Amino acid sequence: MLSIGRTKLYDLMNAGDLQSITIGSARRIPHSELLRFREAQPLAA
């Protein structure tokens, strides 16, 4: 959905730019958070 790699995704989560929920040992990103993050990004030219 974001068209980014796993490393970049974890970088965003660790920086606090993308919120996630930890369930056991798995990290989950709510759909609403993905939409919020995507809308906040400037459009690429």
Protein backbone atom coordinates (compact mmCIF):
# COMPACT_ATOMS: atom_id res chain seq x y z
CA MET A 1 0.00 0.00 0.00
CA LEU A 2 2.86 2.41 0.76
CA SER A 3 5.25 1.04 -1.90
CA ILE A 4 8.22 1.00 0.48
CA GLY A 5 10.53 -1.75 1.64
CA ARG A 6 10.58 -3.52 4.98
CA THR A 7 13.65 -1.62 6.21
CA LYS A 8 12.06 1.77 5.47
CA LEU A 9 8.82 0.63 7.14
CA TYR A 10 10.67 -0.31 10.33
CA ASP A 11 12.62 2.97 10.21
CA LEU A 12 9.31 4.90 10.06
CA MET A 13 7.86 2.89 12.96
CA ASN A 14 10.99 3.31 15.10
CA ALA A 15 11.06 7.07 14.41
CA GLY A 16 7.42 7.37 15.48
CA ASP A 17 6.26 8.56 12.05
CA LEU A 18 4.07 5.49 11.60
CA GLN A 19 2.22 4.11 14.61
CA SER A 20 2.01 0.37 15.14
CA ILE A 21 0.50 -2.02 17.66
CA THR A 22 2.44 -4.95 19.08
CA ILE A 23 0.45 -8.16 19.55
CA GLY A 24 2.70 -10.79 21.07
CA SER A 25 5.82 -10.64 18.92
CA ALA A 26 4.01 -9.30 15.83
CA ARG A 27 3.71 -5.63 14.90
CA ARG A 28 0.52 -4.52 13.22
CA ILE A 29 -0.30 -1.18 11.60
CA PRO A 30 -3.97 -0.17 11.72
CA HIS A 31 -5.52 0.59 8.33
CA SER A 32 -6.52 4.07 9.54
CA GLU A 33 -2.85 4.78 10.36
CA LEU A 34 -1.77 3.74 6.86
CA LEU A 35 -4.35 6.08 5.34
CA ARG A 36 -3.29 8.94 7.65
CA PHE A 37 0.37 8.46 6.78
CA ARG A 38 -0.28 8.24 3.03
CA GLU A 39 -2.40 11.41 3.05
CA ALA A 40 0.30 13.30 4.98
CA GLN A 41 2.97 12.58 2.36
CA PRO A 42 3.60 15.14 -0.39
CA LEU A 43 2.92 13.96 -3.92
CA ALA A 44 5.98 12.90 -5.88
CA ALA A 45 6.60 14.93 -9.05
